[in-house]
């Protein structure tokens, strides 16, 4: 049986990497981040999603007692 943390961790890790990369590639586009007061929310949320995904994968690898 598959632990639910594995697909959730993979999904958040992959999406976190993609959103972070998108934020890095669009960092120079000032007009895109005008609405968010110049804050690149793609990088911030991408890193948060990446960390959460890695934590879920780490928890799924821990041995169960």
N, C-alpha and C. Protein backbone atom coordinates (compact mmCIF):
# COMPACT_ATOMS: atom_id res chain seq x y z
N UNK A 1 0.84 -1.18 0.00
CA UNK A 1 0.00 0.00 0.00
C UNK A 1 0.89 1.25 0.00
N UNK A 2 0.52 2.22 -0.78
CA UNK A 2 1.32 3.43 -0.94
C UNK A 2 0.96 4.43 0.15
N UNK A 3 1.98 4.97 0.77
CA UNK A 3 1.78 6.00 1.77
C UNK A 3 1.36 7.29 1.07
N UNK A 4 0.34 7.96 1.55
CA UNK A 4 -0.19 9.16 0.90
C UNK A 4 0.82 10.30 0.88
N UNK A 5 1.80 10.24 1.77
CA UNK A 5 2.81 11.31 1.82
C UNK A 5 3.73 11.29 0.61
N UNK A 6 3.89 10.16 -0.03
CA UNK A 6 4.79 10.07 -1.19
C UNK A 6 4.24 10.86 -2.38
N UNK A 7 2.99 10.62 -2.85
CA UNK A 7 2.51 11.41 -3.97
C UNK A 7 2.32 12.89 -3.63
N UNK A 8 1.92 13.18 -2.41
CA UNK A 8 1.79 14.59 -2.01
C UNK A 8 3.16 15.26 -2.00
N UNK A 9 4.15 14.59 -1.46
CA UNK A 9 5.50 15.14 -1.44
C UNK A 9 6.06 15.33 -2.83
N UNK A 10 5.84 14.37 -3.71
CA UNK A 10 6.32 14.50 -5.10
C UNK A 10 5.62 15.66 -5.81
N UNK A 11 4.31 15.77 -5.62
CA UNK A 11 3.57 16.84 -6.27
C UNK A 11 4.06 18.22 -5.82
N UNK A 12 4.18 18.42 -4.52
CA UNK A 12 4.63 19.71 -4.01
C UNK A 12 6.08 20.00 -4.37
N UNK A 13 6.92 18.96 -4.41
CA UNK A 13 8.32 19.17 -4.78
C UNK A 13 8.44 19.58 -6.24
N UNK A 14 7.74 18.90 -7.12
CA UNK A 14 7.81 19.22 -8.54
C UNK A 14 7.22 20.61 -8.80
N UNK A 15 6.05 20.90 -8.22
CA UNK A 15 5.44 22.22 -8.42
C UNK A 15 6.30 23.32 -7.80
N UNK A 16 6.92 23.05 -6.67
CA UNK A 16 7.79 24.03 -6.04
C UNK A 16 8.99 24.37 -6.91
N UNK A 17 9.58 23.35 -7.52
CA UNK A 17 10.72 23.59 -8.42
C UNK A 17 10.27 24.40 -9.63
N UNK A 18 9.14 24.03 -10.22
CA UNK A 18 8.66 24.74 -11.41
C UNK A 18 8.31 26.19 -11.12
N UNK A 19 7.63 26.45 -10.02
CA UNK A 19 7.24 27.82 -9.69
C UNK A 19 8.46 28.65 -9.31
N UNK A 20 9.41 28.05 -8.60
CA UNK A 20 10.64 28.78 -8.26
C UNK A 20 11.42 29.13 -9.52
N UNK A 21 11.55 28.20 -10.44
CA UNK A 21 12.24 28.48 -11.69
C UNK A 21 11.52 29.57 -12.49
N UNK A 22 10.20 29.52 -12.52
CA UNK A 22 9.43 30.56 -13.20
C UNK A 22 9.69 31.92 -12.57
N UNK A 23 9.73 31.97 -11.25
CA UNK A 23 10.01 33.22 -10.56
C UNK A 23 11.41 33.74 -10.84
N UNK A 24 12.37 32.82 -10.95
CA UNK A 24 13.74 33.24 -11.25
C UNK A 24 13.87 33.75 -12.68
N UNK A 25 13.17 33.12 -13.63
CA UNK A 25 13.27 33.54 -15.02
C UNK A 25 12.50 34.84 -15.29
N UNK A 26 11.49 35.14 -14.48
CA UNK A 26 10.71 36.36 -14.69
C UNK A 26 11.07 37.45 -13.68
N UNK A 27 12.19 37.31 -13.00
CA UNK A 27 12.58 38.28 -11.98
C UNK A 27 12.79 39.68 -12.56
N UNK A 28 13.24 39.79 -13.79
CA UNK A 28 13.54 41.09 -14.38
C UNK A 28 12.31 41.80 -14.93
N UNK A 29 11.15 41.13 -14.97
CA UNK A 29 9.93 41.74 -15.49
C UNK A 29 9.22 42.51 -14.38
N UNK A 30 9.51 43.81 -14.28
CA UNK A 30 8.96 44.63 -13.19
C UNK A 30 7.45 44.79 -13.32
N UNK A 31 6.93 44.84 -14.52
CA UNK A 31 5.49 45.02 -14.72
C UNK A 31 4.68 43.85 -14.22
N UNK A 32 5.26 42.68 -14.26
CA UNK A 32 4.55 41.48 -13.81
C UNK A 32 4.31 41.50 -12.30
N UNK A 33 5.23 42.09 -11.55
CA UNK A 33 5.12 42.09 -10.10
C UNK A 33 4.70 43.45 -9.55
N UNK A 34 4.11 44.27 -10.40
CA UNK A 34 3.63 45.58 -9.98
C UNK A 34 2.46 45.47 -9.01
N UNK A 35 1.57 44.53 -9.26
CA UNK A 35 0.39 44.35 -8.41
C UNK A 35 0.77 43.86 -7.02
N UNK A 36 1.83 43.05 -6.92
CA UNK A 36 2.24 42.50 -5.62
C UNK A 36 3.30 43.37 -4.95
N UNK A 37 3.26 44.65 -5.23
CA UNK A 37 4.15 45.65 -4.62
C UNK A 37 5.63 45.34 -4.87
N UNK A 38 5.93 44.76 -6.03
CA UNK A 38 7.30 44.47 -6.40
C UNK A 38 7.89 43.23 -5.77
N UNK A 39 7.08 42.46 -5.05
CA UNK A 39 7.56 41.24 -4.39
C UNK A 39 7.37 40.07 -5.35
N UNK A 40 8.41 39.31 -5.57
CA UNK A 40 8.33 38.15 -6.44
C UNK A 40 7.73 36.98 -5.65
N UNK A 41 6.41 36.90 -5.67
CA UNK A 41 5.72 35.87 -4.88
C UNK A 41 5.95 34.47 -5.45
N UNK A 42 6.32 34.37 -6.71
CA UNK A 42 6.57 33.05 -7.28
C UNK A 42 7.77 32.38 -6.63
N UNK A 43 8.82 33.13 -6.38
CA UNK A 43 9.99 32.55 -5.72
C UNK A 43 9.66 32.16 -4.28
N UNK A 44 8.97 33.04 -3.58
CA UNK A 44 8.64 32.78 -2.17
C UNK A 44 7.75 31.54 -2.04
N UNK A 45 6.66 31.49 -2.81
CA UNK A 45 5.75 30.35 -2.70
C UNK A 45 6.37 29.07 -3.27
N UNK A 46 7.20 29.21 -4.30
CA UNK A 46 7.87 28.04 -4.85
C UNK A 46 8.80 27.39 -3.84
N UNK A 47 9.55 28.21 -3.12
CA UNK A 47 10.46 27.67 -2.10
C UNK A 47 9.67 27.05 -0.95
N UNK A 48 8.58 27.68 -0.56
CA UNK A 48 7.75 27.13 0.52
C UNK A 48 7.17 25.77 0.09
N UNK A 49 6.67 25.69 -1.14
CA UNK A 49 6.12 24.42 -1.63
C UNK A 49 7.21 23.35 -1.74
N UNK A 50 8.39 23.76 -2.18
CA UNK A 50 9.51 22.82 -2.30
C UNK A 50 9.90 22.27 -0.92
N UNK A 51 10.01 23.13 0.06
CA UNK A 51 10.35 22.69 1.42
C UNK A 51 9.29 21.75 1.98
N UNK A 52 8.01 22.11 1.78
CA UNK A 52 6.92 21.26 2.27
C UNK A 52 6.96 19.89 1.59
N UNK A 53 7.19 19.87 0.29
CA UNK A 53 7.26 18.60 -0.44
C UNK A 53 8.40 17.73 0.04
N UNK A 54 9.55 18.35 0.28
CA UNK A 54 10.70 17.58 0.77
C UNK A 54 10.46 17.06 2.18
N UNK A 55 9.79 17.84 3.01
CA UNK A 55 9.46 17.37 4.36
C UNK A 55 8.51 16.18 4.30
N UNK A 56 7.51 16.25 3.41
CA UNK A 56 6.58 15.12 3.27
C UNK A 56 7.31 13.87 2.78
N UNK A 57 8.24 14.03 1.84
CA UNK A 57 9.00 12.87 1.37
C UNK A 57 9.91 12.33 2.47
N UNK A 58 10.47 13.22 3.28
CA UNK A 58 11.33 12.79 4.37
C UNK A 58 10.52 12.00 5.40
N UNK A 59 9.30 12.49 5.72
CA UNK A 59 8.44 11.78 6.66
C UNK A 59 8.02 10.42 6.11
N UNK A 60 7.84 10.31 4.81
CA UNK A 60 7.43 9.04 4.24
C UNK A 60 8.57 8.01 4.27
N UNK A 61 9.81 8.47 4.35
CA UNK A 61 10.95 7.56 4.38
C UNK A 61 11.27 7.06 5.81
N UNK A 62 10.75 7.74 6.81
CA UNK A 62 11.03 7.32 8.18
C UNK A 62 10.40 5.96 8.43
N UNK A 63 11.06 5.15 9.23
CA UNK A 63 10.56 3.82 9.53
C UNK A 63 9.37 3.90 10.49
N UNK A 64 8.41 3.08 10.22
CA UNK A 64 7.23 3.01 11.07
C UNK A 64 7.46 1.95 12.14
N UNK A 65 7.00 2.22 13.34
CA UNK A 65 7.16 1.25 14.43
C UNK A 65 5.89 0.49 14.68
